[in-house]
N, C-alpha and C. Protein backbone atom coordinates (compact mmCIF):
# COMPACT_ATOMS: atom_id res chain seq x y z
N LEU A 1 0.86 -1.19 0.00
CA LEU A 1 0.00 0.00 0.00
C LEU A 1 0.89 1.23 0.00
N TYR A 2 0.73 2.05 -1.04
CA TYR A 2 1.50 3.29 -1.08
C TYR A 2 0.79 4.26 -2.00
N ASP A 3 0.45 5.38 -1.45
CA ASP A 3 -0.22 6.43 -2.23
C ASP A 3 0.65 7.66 -2.13
N LYS A 4 1.30 8.03 -3.23
CA LYS A 4 2.26 9.12 -3.20
C LYS A 4 1.64 10.46 -2.85
N THR A 5 0.33 10.56 -2.90
CA THR A 5 -0.31 11.83 -2.56
C THR A 5 -1.17 11.72 -1.31
N GLY A 6 -1.18 10.56 -0.69
CA GLY A 6 -2.08 10.35 0.44
C GLY A 6 -1.36 10.11 1.75
N GLU A 7 -2.12 9.58 2.69
CA GLU A 7 -1.64 9.40 4.06
C GLU A 7 -0.42 8.49 4.15
N GLU A 8 -0.42 7.39 3.37
CA GLU A 8 0.68 6.44 3.49
C GLU A 8 2.01 7.06 3.07
N HIS A 9 1.96 7.97 2.11
CA HIS A 9 3.16 8.72 1.71
C HIS A 9 3.77 9.41 2.93
N TYR A 10 2.94 10.10 3.69
CA TYR A 10 3.43 10.83 4.86
C TYR A 10 3.79 9.90 6.00
N ASN A 11 3.10 8.78 6.13
CA ASN A 11 3.45 7.80 7.16
C ASN A 11 4.85 7.24 6.92
N LEU A 12 5.16 6.94 5.66
CA LEU A 12 6.46 6.33 5.37
C LEU A 12 7.61 7.33 5.50
N ILE A 13 7.41 8.56 5.05
CA ILE A 13 8.50 9.53 5.21
C ILE A 13 8.70 9.84 6.69
N SER A 14 7.61 9.82 7.46
CA SER A 14 7.72 9.99 8.91
C SER A 14 8.49 8.83 9.53
N ALA A 15 8.22 7.62 9.06
CA ALA A 15 8.92 6.44 9.58
C ALA A 15 10.41 6.52 9.28
N LEU A 16 10.75 6.97 8.07
CA LEU A 16 12.16 7.13 7.71
C LEU A 16 12.83 8.16 8.61
N HIS A 17 12.19 9.31 8.72
CA HIS A 17 12.74 10.41 9.51
C HIS A 17 12.93 9.99 10.97
N LYS A 18 11.93 9.37 11.54
CA LYS A 18 11.98 9.02 12.96
C LYS A 18 12.93 7.85 13.23
N SER A 19 13.11 6.98 12.25
CA SER A 19 14.08 5.89 12.40
C SER A 19 15.50 6.45 12.41
N MET A 20 15.78 7.42 11.52
CA MET A 20 17.10 8.06 11.52
C MET A 20 17.32 8.81 12.83
N ARG A 21 16.29 9.52 13.29
CA ARG A 21 16.41 10.28 14.55
C ARG A 21 16.69 9.35 15.71
N ASP A 22 16.15 8.14 15.66
CA ASP A 22 16.33 7.17 16.73
C ASP A 22 17.61 6.34 16.54
N SER A 23 18.43 6.72 15.56
CA SER A 23 19.70 6.05 15.28
C SER A 23 19.53 4.56 14.98
N ASP A 24 18.53 4.26 14.15
CA ASP A 24 18.24 2.89 13.75
C ASP A 24 18.44 2.76 12.24
N PRO A 25 19.67 2.47 11.79
CA PRO A 25 19.92 2.42 10.35
C PRO A 25 19.16 1.32 9.63
N ASP A 26 18.93 0.19 10.29
CA ASP A 26 18.21 -0.91 9.63
C ASP A 26 16.77 -0.49 9.31
N ALA A 27 16.10 0.10 10.28
CA ALA A 27 14.73 0.55 10.03
C ALA A 27 14.72 1.66 8.98
N ALA A 28 15.69 2.56 9.07
CA ALA A 28 15.74 3.67 8.12
C ALA A 28 15.91 3.16 6.69
N VAL A 29 16.81 2.19 6.49
CA VAL A 29 17.02 1.65 5.14
C VAL A 29 15.77 0.90 4.67
N TYR A 30 15.11 0.21 5.56
CA TYR A 30 13.87 -0.49 5.18
C TYR A 30 12.82 0.51 4.68
N TRP A 31 12.59 1.59 5.44
CA TRP A 31 11.58 2.57 5.03
C TRP A 31 12.00 3.28 3.74
N LEU A 32 13.28 3.51 3.58
CA LEU A 32 13.79 4.07 2.33
C LEU A 32 13.45 3.14 1.17
N ALA A 33 13.75 1.86 1.32
CA ALA A 33 13.47 0.89 0.26
C ALA A 33 11.97 0.79 -0.02
N ARG A 34 11.16 0.83 1.02
CA ARG A 34 9.71 0.78 0.82
C ARG A 34 9.25 1.94 -0.07
N MET A 35 9.77 3.11 0.20
CA MET A 35 9.36 4.27 -0.59
C MET A 35 9.86 4.19 -2.02
N LEU A 36 11.13 3.87 -2.19
CA LEU A 36 11.70 3.83 -3.54
C LEU A 36 11.08 2.73 -4.39
N GLU A 37 10.89 1.56 -3.80
CA GLU A 37 10.32 0.45 -4.57
C GLU A 37 8.85 0.68 -4.92
N ALA A 38 8.19 1.57 -4.19
CA ALA A 38 6.80 1.91 -4.49
C ALA A 38 6.71 3.03 -5.53
N GLY A 39 7.86 3.57 -5.93
CA GLY A 39 7.85 4.58 -6.98
C GLY A 39 8.01 6.01 -6.51
N GLU A 40 8.40 6.20 -5.25
CA GLU A 40 8.60 7.57 -4.76
C GLU A 40 9.73 8.24 -5.53
N ASP A 41 9.61 9.53 -5.75
CA ASP A 41 10.64 10.32 -6.40
C ASP A 41 11.87 10.38 -5.48
N PRO A 42 13.03 9.91 -5.94
CA PRO A 42 14.20 9.92 -5.07
C PRO A 42 14.61 11.34 -4.66
N LEU A 43 14.30 12.33 -5.50
CA LEU A 43 14.64 13.70 -5.14
C LEU A 43 13.80 14.20 -3.97
N TYR A 44 12.56 13.73 -3.86
CA TYR A 44 11.74 14.08 -2.70
C TYR A 44 12.41 13.54 -1.43
N ILE A 45 12.81 12.28 -1.48
CA ILE A 45 13.46 11.68 -0.31
C ILE A 45 14.76 12.41 -0.01
N ALA A 46 15.54 12.72 -1.04
CA ALA A 46 16.81 13.41 -0.84
C ALA A 46 16.60 14.79 -0.21
N ARG A 47 15.53 15.48 -0.59
CA ARG A 47 15.23 16.78 0.03
C ARG A 47 14.91 16.61 1.51
N ARG A 48 14.13 15.59 1.85
CA ARG A 48 13.78 15.34 3.25
C ARG A 48 15.02 14.94 4.05
N VAL A 49 15.90 14.16 3.45
CA VAL A 49 17.14 13.75 4.11
C VAL A 49 18.03 14.97 4.35
N THR A 50 18.05 15.89 3.39
CA THR A 50 18.84 17.11 3.53
C THR A 50 18.30 17.96 4.67
N ARG A 51 17.00 18.06 4.78
CA ARG A 51 16.40 18.80 5.90
C ARG A 51 16.80 18.15 7.23
N PHE A 52 16.72 16.83 7.27
CA PHE A 52 17.07 16.09 8.48
C PHE A 52 18.51 16.37 8.91
N ALA A 53 19.41 16.48 7.94
CA ALA A 53 20.82 16.69 8.24
C ALA A 53 21.05 17.92 9.11
N SER A 54 20.29 18.98 8.87
CA SER A 54 20.45 20.19 9.69
C SER A 54 19.50 20.22 10.87
N GLU A 55 18.29 19.70 10.67
CA GLU A 55 17.29 19.76 11.75
C GLU A 55 17.61 18.82 12.90
N ASP A 56 18.13 17.64 12.60
CA ASP A 56 18.31 16.61 13.63
C ASP A 56 19.76 16.26 13.94
N VAL A 57 20.69 16.64 13.07
CA VAL A 57 22.10 16.39 13.31
C VAL A 57 22.83 17.71 13.52
N GLY A 58 22.66 18.63 12.61
CA GLY A 58 23.22 19.97 12.75
C GLY A 58 24.72 19.96 12.98
N LEU A 59 25.16 20.80 13.90
CA LEU A 59 26.59 20.96 14.15
C LEU A 59 27.18 19.84 15.02
N ALA A 60 26.35 18.89 15.42
CA ALA A 60 26.91 17.70 16.09
C ALA A 60 27.78 16.93 15.10
N ASP A 61 27.47 17.06 13.80
CA ASP A 61 28.30 16.52 12.73
C ASP A 61 28.08 17.37 11.49
N PRO A 62 28.88 18.42 11.30
CA PRO A 62 28.70 19.32 10.17
C PRO A 62 28.81 18.65 8.80
N HIS A 63 29.43 17.48 8.74
CA HIS A 63 29.55 16.77 7.46
C HIS A 63 28.23 16.14 7.02
N ALA A 64 27.29 16.04 7.93
CA ALA A 64 26.00 15.44 7.59
C ALA A 64 25.32 16.18 6.44
N LEU A 65 25.34 17.50 6.49
CA LEU A 65 24.71 18.28 5.43
C LEU A 65 25.43 18.06 4.10
N GLU A 66 26.75 18.00 4.12
CA GLU A 66 27.52 17.76 2.89
C GLU A 66 27.12 16.42 2.27
N ILE A 67 27.00 15.40 3.09
CA ILE A 67 26.66 14.08 2.59
C ILE A 67 25.24 14.07 2.04
N ALA A 68 24.32 14.73 2.73
CA ALA A 68 22.94 14.78 2.26
C ALA A 68 22.83 15.52 0.92
N VAL A 69 23.52 16.64 0.81
CA VAL A 69 23.49 17.40 -0.45
C VAL A 69 24.15 16.60 -1.57
N ALA A 70 25.24 15.91 -1.26
CA ALA A 70 25.89 15.07 -2.27
C ALA A 70 24.94 13.96 -2.73
N ALA A 71 24.19 13.38 -1.81
CA ALA A 71 23.22 12.35 -2.18
C ALA A 71 22.13 12.93 -3.08
N TYR A 72 21.68 14.14 -2.75
CA TYR A 72 20.68 14.80 -3.61
C TYR A 72 21.25 14.99 -5.02
N GLN A 73 22.48 15.49 -5.09
CA GLN A 73 23.09 15.72 -6.41
C GLN A 73 23.26 14.41 -7.18
N ALA A 74 23.66 13.36 -6.49
CA ALA A 74 23.83 12.07 -7.14
C ALA A 74 22.48 11.57 -7.68
N CYS A 75 21.42 11.75 -6.91
CA CYS A 75 20.09 11.34 -7.37
C CYS A 75 19.69 12.15 -8.60
N HIS A 76 20.01 13.42 -8.58
CA HIS A 76 19.67 14.29 -9.71
C HIS A 76 20.45 13.87 -10.96
N PHE A 77 21.74 13.59 -10.82
CA PHE A 77 22.58 13.24 -11.97
C PHE A 77 22.30 11.84 -12.50
N ILE A 78 22.09 10.89 -11.59
CA ILE A 78 22.05 9.49 -11.98
C ILE A 78 20.63 8.95 -12.08
N GLY A 79 19.76 9.33 -11.15
CA GLY A 79 18.39 8.82 -11.16
C GLY A 79 18.29 7.38 -10.69
N MET A 80 17.07 6.88 -10.77
CA MET A 80 16.78 5.50 -10.35
C MET A 80 17.16 4.54 -11.47
N PRO A 81 17.54 3.32 -11.15
CA PRO A 81 17.66 2.75 -9.81
C PRO A 81 19.05 2.93 -9.19
N GLU A 82 19.98 3.52 -9.95
CA GLU A 82 21.35 3.59 -9.47
C GLU A 82 21.53 4.44 -8.22
N CYS A 83 20.70 5.45 -8.05
CA CYS A 83 20.91 6.36 -6.91
C CYS A 83 20.45 5.78 -5.58
N THR A 84 19.90 4.58 -5.59
CA THR A 84 19.47 3.99 -4.31
C THR A 84 20.64 3.86 -3.34
N VAL A 85 21.82 3.55 -3.87
CA VAL A 85 22.98 3.37 -2.99
C VAL A 85 23.41 4.71 -2.38
N HIS A 86 23.25 5.80 -3.11
CA HIS A 86 23.62 7.11 -2.57
C HIS A 86 22.68 7.52 -1.44
N LEU A 87 21.40 7.27 -1.65
CA LEU A 87 20.43 7.57 -0.59
C LEU A 87 20.67 6.67 0.62
N THR A 88 21.01 5.42 0.37
CA THR A 88 21.29 4.51 1.47
C THR A 88 22.50 4.99 2.27
N GLU A 89 23.53 5.45 1.56
CA GLU A 89 24.71 5.98 2.26
C GLU A 89 24.33 7.15 3.16
N ALA A 90 23.54 8.07 2.63
CA ALA A 90 23.13 9.23 3.41
C ALA A 90 22.27 8.83 4.60
N VAL A 91 21.33 7.94 4.38
CA VAL A 91 20.41 7.52 5.44
C VAL A 91 21.16 6.79 6.56
N VAL A 92 22.08 5.93 6.20
CA VAL A 92 22.86 5.21 7.22
C VAL A 92 23.77 6.19 7.97
N TYR A 93 24.43 7.09 7.23
CA TYR A 93 25.31 8.07 7.88
C TYR A 93 24.52 8.91 8.88
N LEU A 94 23.37 9.41 8.46
CA LEU A 94 22.57 10.26 9.33
C LEU A 94 22.01 9.47 10.51
N SER A 95 21.71 8.22 10.31
CA SER A 95 21.23 7.39 11.42
C SER A 95 22.30 7.23 12.49
N LEU A 96 23.55 7.10 12.06
CA LEU A 96 24.63 6.85 13.00
C LEU A 96 25.27 8.12 13.56
N ALA A 97 24.97 9.26 12.95
CA ALA A 97 25.57 10.53 13.38
C ALA A 97 25.05 10.93 14.76
N PRO A 98 25.88 11.66 15.53
CA PRO A 98 25.35 12.22 16.79
C PRO A 98 24.23 13.20 16.45
N LYS A 99 23.30 13.36 17.34
CA LYS A 99 22.11 14.16 17.05
C LYS A 99 22.08 15.45 17.87
N SER A 100 21.62 16.51 17.20
CA SER A 100 21.37 17.78 17.87
C SER A 100 20.30 18.53 17.08
N ASN A 101 19.31 19.03 17.78
CA ASN A 101 18.31 19.88 17.13
C ASN A 101 18.48 21.34 17.55
N ALA A 102 19.67 21.70 18.01
CA ALA A 102 19.94 23.05 18.51
C ALA A 102 19.74 24.12 17.44
N LEU A 103 20.08 23.82 16.18
CA LEU A 103 19.89 24.80 15.11
C LEU A 103 18.40 25.02 14.85
N TYR A 104 17.66 23.95 14.82
CA TYR A 104 16.21 24.01 14.62
C TYR A 104 15.56 24.85 15.72
N LEU A 105 15.95 24.59 16.96
CA LEU A 105 15.39 25.33 18.09
C LEU A 105 15.84 26.79 18.07
N ALA A 106 17.09 27.04 17.67
CA ALA A 106 17.61 28.42 17.61
C ALA A 106 16.78 29.25 16.64
N TYR A 107 16.52 28.69 15.46
CA TYR A 107 15.73 29.44 14.48
C TYR A 107 14.32 29.67 15.00
N GLY A 108 13.75 28.68 15.64
CA GLY A 108 12.39 28.84 16.18
C GLY A 108 12.31 29.96 17.20
N ARG A 109 13.30 30.05 18.07
CA ARG A 109 13.31 31.13 19.07
C ARG A 109 13.49 32.49 18.40
N ALA A 110 14.43 32.57 17.45
CA ALA A 110 14.66 33.83 16.73
C ALA A 110 13.44 34.21 15.89
N GLN A 111 12.83 33.22 15.27
CA GLN A 111 11.64 33.47 14.46
C GLN A 111 10.52 34.09 15.29
N ALA A 112 10.31 33.56 16.49
CA ALA A 112 9.25 34.09 17.35
C ALA A 112 9.50 35.55 17.67
N ASP A 113 10.75 35.90 18.00
CA ASP A 113 11.07 37.30 18.28
C ASP A 113 10.97 38.15 17.02
N ALA A 114 11.42 37.62 15.89
CA ALA A 114 11.37 38.38 14.64
C ALA A 114 9.93 38.71 14.26
N ILE A 115 9.04 37.76 14.43
CA ILE A 115 7.63 37.99 14.08
C ILE A 115 7.00 39.02 15.01
N LYS A 116 7.32 38.94 16.30
CA LYS A 116 6.75 39.89 17.27
C LYS A 116 7.35 41.28 17.13
N GLN A 117 8.59 41.35 16.66
CA GLN A 117 9.31 42.63 16.65
C GLN A 117 9.93 42.89 15.28
N LEU A 118 9.09 42.91 14.25
CA LEU A 118 9.58 43.08 12.89
C LEU A 118 10.17 44.46 12.61
N ALA A 119 9.86 45.44 13.44
CA ALA A 119 10.30 46.81 13.16
C ALA A 119 11.47 47.26 14.01
N GLU A 120 12.11 46.34 14.72
CA GLU A 120 13.24 46.74 15.56
C GLU A 120 14.36 47.30 14.68
N PRO A 121 14.89 48.47 15.02
CA PRO A 121 15.94 49.06 14.19
C PRO A 121 17.28 48.35 14.35
N VAL A 122 18.03 48.33 13.27
CA VAL A 122 19.39 47.81 13.31
C VAL A 122 20.23 48.82 14.10
N PRO A 123 21.03 48.38 15.07
CA PRO A 123 21.88 49.31 15.80
C PRO A 123 22.74 50.15 14.84
N LEU A 124 22.88 51.43 15.13
CA LEU A 124 23.63 52.33 14.24
C LEU A 124 25.03 51.81 13.96
N VAL A 125 25.67 51.25 14.96
CA VAL A 125 27.06 50.83 14.83
C VAL A 125 27.26 49.78 13.73
N ILE A 126 26.25 48.97 13.44
CA ILE A 126 26.42 47.94 12.40
C ILE A 126 25.63 48.26 11.13
N ARG A 127 25.15 49.48 11.00
CA ARG A 127 24.49 49.88 9.76
C ARG A 127 25.53 50.24 8.70
N ASN A 128 25.16 49.99 7.47
CA ASN A 128 26.01 50.35 6.34
C ASN A 128 25.86 51.85 6.08
N ALA A 129 26.95 52.52 5.72
CA ALA A 129 26.92 53.96 5.50
C ALA A 129 27.54 54.32 4.14
N PRO A 130 26.84 54.00 3.04
CA PRO A 130 27.42 54.27 1.72
C PRO A 130 27.31 55.74 1.29
N THR A 131 26.50 56.54 1.97
CA THR A 131 26.35 57.95 1.56
C THR A 131 26.83 58.89 2.66
N ARG A 132 27.10 60.12 2.29
CA ARG A 132 27.54 61.13 3.26
C ARG A 132 26.45 61.39 4.29
N LEU A 133 25.20 61.47 3.85
CA LEU A 133 24.09 61.71 4.76
C LEU A 133 24.02 60.61 5.83
N MET A 134 24.16 59.37 5.41
CA MET A 134 24.13 58.26 6.38
C MET A 134 25.27 58.37 7.38
N LYS A 135 26.44 58.78 6.92
CA LYS A 135 27.57 58.97 7.84
C LYS A 135 27.27 60.10 8.82
N GLU A 136 26.64 61.17 8.32
CA GLU A 136 26.27 62.29 9.20
C GLU A 136 25.22 61.87 10.23
N LEU A 137 24.43 60.86 9.89
CA LEU A 137 23.43 60.34 10.83
C LEU A 137 24.01 59.26 11.74
N ASP A 138 25.32 59.11 11.72
CA ASP A 138 26.07 58.18 12.58
C ASP A 138 25.91 56.71 12.19
N TYR A 139 25.47 56.43 10.97
CA TYR A 139 25.45 55.05 10.51
C TYR A 139 26.89 54.53 10.52
N GLY A 140 27.10 53.41 11.17
CA GLY A 140 28.42 52.79 11.20
C GLY A 140 29.41 53.44 12.15
N LYS A 141 28.99 54.48 12.85
CA LYS A 141 29.92 55.16 13.76
C LYS A 141 30.30 54.22 14.91
N GLY A 142 31.60 54.07 15.12
CA GLY A 142 32.10 53.21 16.18
C GLY A 142 32.23 51.75 15.77
N TYR A 143 31.97 51.45 14.49
CA TYR A 143 32.09 50.07 14.04
C TYR A 143 33.52 49.57 14.25
N GLN A 144 33.62 48.34 14.76
CA GLN A 144 34.92 47.72 15.00
C GLN A 144 35.06 46.51 14.08
N TYR A 145 36.10 46.51 13.28
CA TYR A 145 36.35 45.42 12.34
C TYR A 145 37.07 44.30 13.09
N ALA A 146 36.37 43.20 13.33
CA ALA A 146 36.90 42.13 14.17
C ALA A 146 38.25 41.60 13.69
N HIS A 147 38.47 41.61 12.38
CA HIS A 147 39.73 41.08 11.85
C HIS A 147 40.93 41.95 12.24
N ASN A 148 40.67 43.17 12.66
CA ASN A 148 41.75 44.06 13.07
C ASN A 148 42.12 43.90 14.54
N THR A 149 41.47 43.00 15.23
CA THR A 149 41.77 42.79 16.64
C THR A 149 42.55 41.49 16.82
N GLU A 150 43.31 41.43 17.89
CA GLU A 150 44.11 40.23 18.16
C GLU A 150 43.21 39.01 18.36
N GLU A 151 42.11 39.19 19.07
CA GLU A 151 41.21 38.08 19.39
C GLU A 151 40.23 37.77 18.26
N LYS A 152 40.15 38.66 17.25
CA LYS A 152 39.16 38.58 16.18
C LYS A 152 37.75 38.68 16.75
N LEU A 153 37.61 39.46 17.83
CA LEU A 153 36.33 39.68 18.51
C LEU A 153 36.19 41.16 18.84
N THR A 154 34.95 41.61 18.96
CA THR A 154 34.67 42.95 19.46
C THR A 154 33.55 42.85 20.47
N ASP A 155 33.30 43.96 21.17
CA ASP A 155 32.19 43.98 22.13
C ASP A 155 31.03 44.83 21.61
N MET A 156 30.92 44.96 20.29
CA MET A 156 29.82 45.74 19.71
C MET A 156 28.47 45.09 19.99
N GLN A 157 27.46 45.94 20.05
CA GLN A 157 26.09 45.46 20.19
C GLN A 157 25.53 45.19 18.80
N CYS A 158 25.15 43.94 18.55
CA CYS A 158 24.63 43.56 17.24
C CYS A 158 23.13 43.27 17.26
N LEU A 159 22.55 43.07 18.41
CA LEU A 159 21.10 42.88 18.52
C LEU A 159 20.44 44.22 18.84
N PRO A 160 19.18 44.40 18.45
CA PRO A 160 18.46 45.60 18.86
C PRO A 160 18.41 45.70 20.39
N ASP A 161 18.24 46.93 20.89
CA ASP A 161 18.21 47.15 22.34
C ASP A 161 17.21 46.24 23.05
N SER A 162 16.03 46.07 22.45
CA SER A 162 14.97 45.30 23.12
C SER A 162 15.28 43.80 23.18
N LEU A 163 16.29 43.36 22.45
CA LEU A 163 16.61 41.93 22.44
C LEU A 163 17.98 41.63 23.06
N GLN A 164 18.59 42.61 23.68
CA GLN A 164 19.89 42.39 24.31
C GLN A 164 19.81 41.24 25.31
N GLY A 165 20.80 40.38 25.25
CA GLY A 165 20.86 39.25 26.18
C GLY A 165 20.15 38.00 25.68
N ARG A 166 19.43 38.08 24.56
CA ARG A 166 18.75 36.90 24.04
C ARG A 166 19.78 35.88 23.58
N GLU A 167 19.50 34.62 23.86
CA GLU A 167 20.34 33.51 23.41
C GLU A 167 19.47 32.57 22.59
N TYR A 168 19.67 32.60 21.29
CA TYR A 168 18.88 31.74 20.41
C TYR A 168 19.55 30.39 20.21
N TYR A 169 20.84 30.41 19.95
CA TYR A 169 21.57 29.17 19.72
C TYR A 169 22.13 28.66 21.04
N ARG A 170 21.67 27.49 21.43
CA ARG A 170 22.12 26.84 22.67
C ARG A 170 22.70 25.48 22.32
N PRO A 171 23.99 25.43 22.05
CA PRO A 171 24.60 24.18 21.59
C PRO A 171 24.55 23.08 22.62
N THR A 172 24.55 21.86 22.10
CA THR A 172 24.56 20.68 22.95
C THR A 172 25.99 20.19 23.13
N ASP A 173 26.15 19.10 23.86
CA ASP A 173 27.46 18.47 24.04
C ASP A 173 27.64 17.30 23.08
N GLN A 174 26.78 17.18 22.07
CA GLN A 174 26.82 16.05 21.16
C GLN A 174 27.86 16.25 20.04
N GLY A 175 28.70 15.24 19.83
CA GLY A 175 29.63 15.24 18.72
C GLY A 175 30.44 16.52 18.62
N THR A 176 30.60 16.99 17.39
CA THR A 176 31.39 18.19 17.11
C THR A 176 30.78 19.44 17.72
N GLU A 177 29.49 19.41 17.98
CA GLU A 177 28.85 20.60 18.55
C GLU A 177 29.43 20.96 19.91
N ALA A 178 30.00 19.98 20.59
CA ALA A 178 30.66 20.28 21.87
C ALA A 178 31.79 21.29 21.68
N LYS A 179 32.48 21.21 20.53
CA LYS A 179 33.55 22.17 20.23
C LYS A 179 32.96 23.56 19.98
N PHE A 180 31.84 23.61 19.28
CA PHE A 180 31.17 24.89 19.04
C PHE A 180 30.68 25.49 20.36
N LYS A 181 30.21 24.62 21.25
CA LYS A 181 29.76 25.09 22.56
C LYS A 181 30.92 25.70 23.34
N ALA A 182 32.06 25.02 23.32
CA ALA A 182 33.24 25.53 24.03
C ALA A 182 33.68 26.87 23.44
N ARG A 183 33.66 26.99 22.13
CA ARG A 183 34.04 28.25 21.48
C ARG A 183 33.06 29.35 21.84
N LEU A 184 31.77 29.06 21.82
CA LEU A 184 30.77 30.06 22.18
C LEU A 184 30.96 30.50 23.63
N ASP A 185 31.26 29.57 24.51
CA ASP A 185 31.52 29.92 25.90
C ASP A 185 32.73 30.86 26.02
N GLN A 186 33.79 30.59 25.25
CA GLN A 186 34.97 31.46 25.25
C GLN A 186 34.60 32.87 24.78
N ILE A 187 33.82 32.94 23.72
CA ILE A 187 33.42 34.25 23.17
C ILE A 187 32.60 35.02 24.20
N LYS A 188 31.64 34.36 24.81
CA LYS A 188 30.79 35.03 25.80
C LYS A 188 31.61 35.50 27.00
N THR A 189 32.53 34.67 27.45
CA THR A 189 33.39 35.05 28.58
C THR A 189 34.20 36.29 28.22
N TRP A 190 34.81 36.30 27.04
CA TRP A 190 35.61 37.44 26.60
C TRP A 190 34.76 38.71 26.54
N LYS A 191 33.56 38.60 25.97
CA LYS A 191 32.70 39.77 25.82
C LYS A 191 32.25 40.29 27.19
N ASN A 192 31.95 39.38 28.10
CA ASN A 192 31.57 39.80 29.45
C ASN A 192 32.71 40.50 30.17
N GLN A 193 33.93 40.06 29.95
CA GLN A 193 35.10 40.70 30.57
C GLN A 193 35.31 42.12 30.03
N GLN A 194 34.95 42.34 28.78
CA GLN A 194 35.11 43.67 28.18
C GLN A 194 34.14 44.68 28.80
N LYS A 195 33.03 44.19 29.32
CA LYS A 195 32.01 45.08 29.92
C LYS A 195 32.40 45.54 31.31
N LYS A 196 33.36 44.86 31.93
CA LYS A 196 33.74 45.20 33.31
C LYS A 196 34.61 46.43 33.35
């Protein structure tokens, strides 16, 4: 039973997605095969796998997105039935990768604030000043070019006043994301020391 436009279509893609999230490569490959053998467009599956790479793996394994995009490209270039092995490679890789949904959650938090506060002005310090009038209005005044500093960091305010202190990206300790978490902690510590 498979209806590419009906409920079973969504049930099977959900089964694939949730099997990868649960780190079960055998189940993931089975659901992949069920969809492909029923005639599903491999590019549809490749798009969903690409979404999964960032939504469920993210920076816990930054190579996940590269592999998913490569699988999409292989499906596009080669087509069925040869591209089944490329999708299988991506599905197994993503199933075994460490998992983090921190990027997905970060965007959701930022999105909520963006929708509520669509008119918040960009701080003057980070505005572009291509005209004399803009410079006279202090656009870009006090801008610090991070590459000109020893630490490659500045203490400039980049969020609007009403959103100061917001933390959208909250990295996990999973896989490579632990390194990003440590780096973010270093940056925050440095910036807090500059305020003292």
